[in-house]
N, C-alpha and C. Protein backbone atom coordinates (compact mmCIF):
# COMPACT_ATOMS: atom_id res chain seq x y z
N MET A 1 144.15 22.95 77.34
CA MET A 1 144.54 21.68 77.11
C MET A 1 145.98 21.68 77.88
N PRO A 2 145.95 21.13 78.93
CA PRO A 2 147.43 21.21 79.67
C PRO A 2 148.41 20.21 79.12
N GLY A 3 147.99 19.17 78.55
CA GLY A 3 148.76 18.27 77.99
C GLY A 3 149.65 18.71 76.81
N VAL A 4 149.03 19.57 76.03
CA VAL A 4 149.75 20.45 74.93
C VAL A 4 150.96 21.18 75.56
N GLY A 5 150.72 21.96 76.68
CA GLY A 5 151.59 22.67 77.36
C GLY A 5 152.85 21.90 77.79
N ILE A 6 152.50 20.82 78.45
CA ILE A 6 153.52 19.82 78.93
C ILE A 6 154.36 19.25 77.85
N GLY A 7 153.67 18.90 76.80
CA GLY A 7 154.22 18.26 75.44
C GLY A 7 155.17 19.27 74.82
N VAL A 8 154.80 20.55 74.76
CA VAL A 8 155.77 21.63 74.12
C VAL A 8 156.88 21.69 75.18
N PHE A 9 156.64 21.78 76.40
CA PHE A 9 157.78 22.02 77.39
C PHE A 9 158.80 20.89 77.15
N LEU A 10 158.40 19.77 77.08
CA LEU A 10 159.30 18.64 76.93
C LEU A 10 159.99 18.61 75.63
N LEU A 11 159.30 19.02 74.61
CA LEU A 11 159.97 19.14 73.40
C LEU A 11 160.99 20.26 73.28
N THR A 12 160.79 21.36 73.94
CA THR A 12 161.53 22.52 74.12
C THR A 12 162.91 22.10 74.93
N LEU A 13 162.61 21.44 76.07
CA LEU A 13 163.77 20.88 76.94
C LEU A 13 164.58 19.87 76.11
N GLY A 14 164.07 18.88 75.28
CA GLY A 14 164.75 17.96 74.81
C GLY A 14 165.40 18.71 73.57
N ALA A 15 165.02 19.44 72.95
CA ALA A 15 165.61 20.26 71.96
C ALA A 15 166.95 21.06 72.40
N ILE A 16 166.80 21.66 73.72
CA ILE A 16 167.88 22.30 74.18
C ILE A 16 169.10 21.37 74.50
N LEU A 17 168.50 20.30 75.26
CA LEU A 17 169.54 19.29 75.61
C LEU A 17 170.31 18.70 74.42
N THR A 18 169.58 18.35 73.43
CA THR A 18 170.06 17.86 72.19
C THR A 18 170.83 18.70 71.42
N PHE A 19 170.51 20.04 71.07
CA PHE A 19 171.32 20.64 70.15
C PHE A 19 172.14 21.87 70.98
N ALA A 20 171.91 22.20 72.06
CA ALA A 20 172.52 23.39 72.64
C ALA A 20 173.62 23.06 73.71
N VAL A 21 173.40 21.93 74.40
CA VAL A 21 174.21 21.43 75.48
C VAL A 21 175.27 20.63 75.11
N SER A 22 176.52 21.02 75.26
CA SER A 22 177.70 20.17 74.79
C SER A 22 178.39 19.42 75.85
N ALA A 23 177.91 19.51 77.16
CA ALA A 23 178.52 18.84 78.31
C ALA A 23 178.39 17.36 78.29
N GLU A 24 179.41 16.67 78.76
CA GLU A 24 179.35 15.27 78.71
C GLU A 24 178.97 14.86 80.22
N ALA A 25 178.37 13.78 80.23
CA ALA A 25 178.27 12.95 81.59
C ALA A 25 178.74 11.60 81.55
N GLU A 26 179.29 11.15 82.51
CA GLU A 26 179.78 9.65 82.61
C GLU A 26 178.53 8.62 82.75
N GLY A 27 178.26 7.85 81.94
CA GLY A 27 177.39 6.67 82.15
C GLY A 27 176.08 6.97 81.26
N PHE A 28 175.85 8.22 80.99
CA PHE A 28 174.64 8.36 79.99
C PHE A 28 174.87 9.58 79.05
N SER A 29 174.21 9.54 77.80
CA SER A 29 174.48 10.68 76.89
C SER A 29 173.41 11.71 77.29
N ILE A 30 173.83 13.05 77.25
CA ILE A 30 172.74 14.13 77.50
C ILE A 30 172.10 14.27 76.21
N ASN A 31 172.75 14.19 75.00
CA ASN A 31 172.08 14.19 73.92
C ASN A 31 170.95 13.07 73.65
N THR A 32 171.29 11.91 74.16
CA THR A 32 170.04 10.71 73.98
C THR A 32 169.03 11.28 74.93
N VAL A 33 169.29 11.70 76.20
CA VAL A 33 168.14 12.12 76.86
C VAL A 33 167.31 13.15 76.29
N GLY A 34 167.93 13.96 75.70
CA GLY A 34 167.21 15.18 74.83
C GLY A 34 166.37 14.54 73.76
N VAL A 35 166.89 13.54 73.13
CA VAL A 35 166.09 12.92 72.09
C VAL A 35 164.94 12.21 72.54
N ILE A 36 165.05 11.61 73.53
CA ILE A 36 163.98 10.76 74.42
C ILE A 36 162.80 11.96 74.91
N LEU A 37 163.28 13.08 75.51
CA LEU A 37 162.44 14.05 75.80
C LEU A 37 161.63 14.59 74.63
N MET A 38 162.23 14.77 73.46
CA MET A 38 161.53 15.34 72.27
C MET A 38 160.54 14.23 71.92
N ILE A 39 160.77 13.04 71.76
CA ILE A 39 160.01 11.88 71.56
C ILE A 39 158.71 12.06 72.42
N ALA A 40 158.83 12.14 73.80
CA ALA A 40 157.86 12.11 74.66
C ALA A 40 157.15 13.23 74.69
N GLY A 41 157.68 14.49 74.23
CA GLY A 41 156.89 15.78 74.14
C GLY A 41 156.07 15.65 72.92
N GLY A 42 156.60 15.03 71.75
CA GLY A 42 155.69 14.93 70.64
C GLY A 42 154.43 14.11 70.78
N LEU A 43 154.88 12.95 71.56
CA LEU A 43 153.80 11.99 71.77
C LEU A 43 152.62 12.62 72.69
N ALA A 44 153.13 13.24 73.82
CA ALA A 44 152.14 13.96 74.75
C ALA A 44 151.30 14.86 74.13
N THR A 45 151.89 15.78 73.04
CA THR A 45 151.10 16.78 72.49
C THR A 45 149.99 16.22 71.36
N LEU A 46 150.54 15.03 70.58
CA LEU A 46 149.79 14.34 69.80
C LEU A 46 148.66 13.74 70.57
N LEU A 47 148.90 12.92 71.56
CA LEU A 47 147.83 12.44 72.19
C LEU A 47 146.73 13.25 73.10
N SER A 48 147.43 14.36 73.59
CA SER A 48 146.47 15.50 74.04
C SER A 48 145.61 15.97 73.18
N MET A 49 145.83 16.42 72.02
CA MET A 49 145.10 16.90 70.98
C MET A 49 144.13 15.79 70.54
N LEU A 50 144.60 14.48 70.30
CA LEU A 50 143.66 13.44 70.02
C LEU A 50 142.59 13.26 70.82
N PHE A 51 142.95 13.21 72.21
CA PHE A 51 141.89 13.07 73.05
C PHE A 51 141.03 14.10 73.43
N TRP A 52 141.35 15.29 73.29
CA TRP A 52 140.80 16.48 73.35
C TRP A 52 139.54 16.63 72.28
N THR A 53 140.01 16.30 71.10
CA THR A 53 138.79 16.16 70.01
C THR A 53 137.88 14.88 70.25
N THR A 54 138.49 13.94 70.87
CA THR A 54 137.60 12.73 71.03
C THR A 54 136.54 13.03 72.26
N TRP A 55 137.03 13.44 73.31
CA TRP A 55 136.40 13.92 74.57
C TRP A 55 135.19 15.09 74.27
N PHE A 56 135.75 15.96 73.56
CA PHE A 56 134.85 17.22 73.56
C PHE A 56 134.48 17.67 72.02
N GLY A 57 134.67 16.66 71.12
CA GLY A 57 134.33 16.92 69.88
C GLY A 57 135.09 18.27 69.14
N THR A 58 134.68 18.35 67.95
CA THR A 58 135.34 19.52 67.21
C THR A 58 134.13 20.68 66.89
N ARG A 59 132.95 20.34 67.21
CA ARG A 59 131.93 21.37 66.88
C ARG A 59 131.36 21.78 68.25
N ASP A 60 130.69 23.06 68.16
CA ASP A 60 130.12 23.72 69.33
C ASP A 60 128.61 23.10 69.39
N GLU A 61 128.37 22.21 70.62
CA GLU A 61 127.07 21.65 70.81
C GLU A 61 126.10 22.64 71.04
N ARG A 62 126.53 23.84 71.76
CA ARG A 62 125.54 24.67 72.20
C ARG A 62 124.78 25.38 70.93
N THR A 63 125.09 25.31 69.70
CA THR A 63 124.59 25.92 68.63
C THR A 63 123.58 25.00 68.26
N HIS A 64 123.50 23.75 68.48
CA HIS A 64 122.40 22.89 67.94
C HIS A 64 121.16 22.82 69.05
N THR A 65 120.01 23.19 68.48
CA THR A 65 118.88 23.05 69.36
C THR A 65 117.86 21.88 68.85
N THR A 66 117.07 21.50 69.80
CA THR A 66 116.11 20.56 69.59
C THR A 66 114.91 21.19 69.51
N HIS A 67 114.04 21.10 68.52
CA HIS A 67 112.72 21.36 68.59
C HIS A 67 111.58 20.39 68.83
N ALA A 68 110.80 20.58 69.74
CA ALA A 68 109.81 19.78 70.04
C ALA A 68 108.45 19.93 69.35
N HIS A 69 107.83 19.17 68.72
CA HIS A 69 106.68 19.54 67.96
C HIS A 69 105.47 18.84 68.68
């Protein structure tokens, strides 16, 4: 699930920018960018897991066999 990895990366980067960086930039807030990245990462992770279960299901289809009579 590559979307989960991207989502976790965005969450981590956003948390670092929000909680660990104290630098200030003129014109925009680094903390606000961090919060936006955390929200985007959370949504990416959630949507990736949702679509993963929708596309591939939660059960293993290989274990189910059809018997012809």
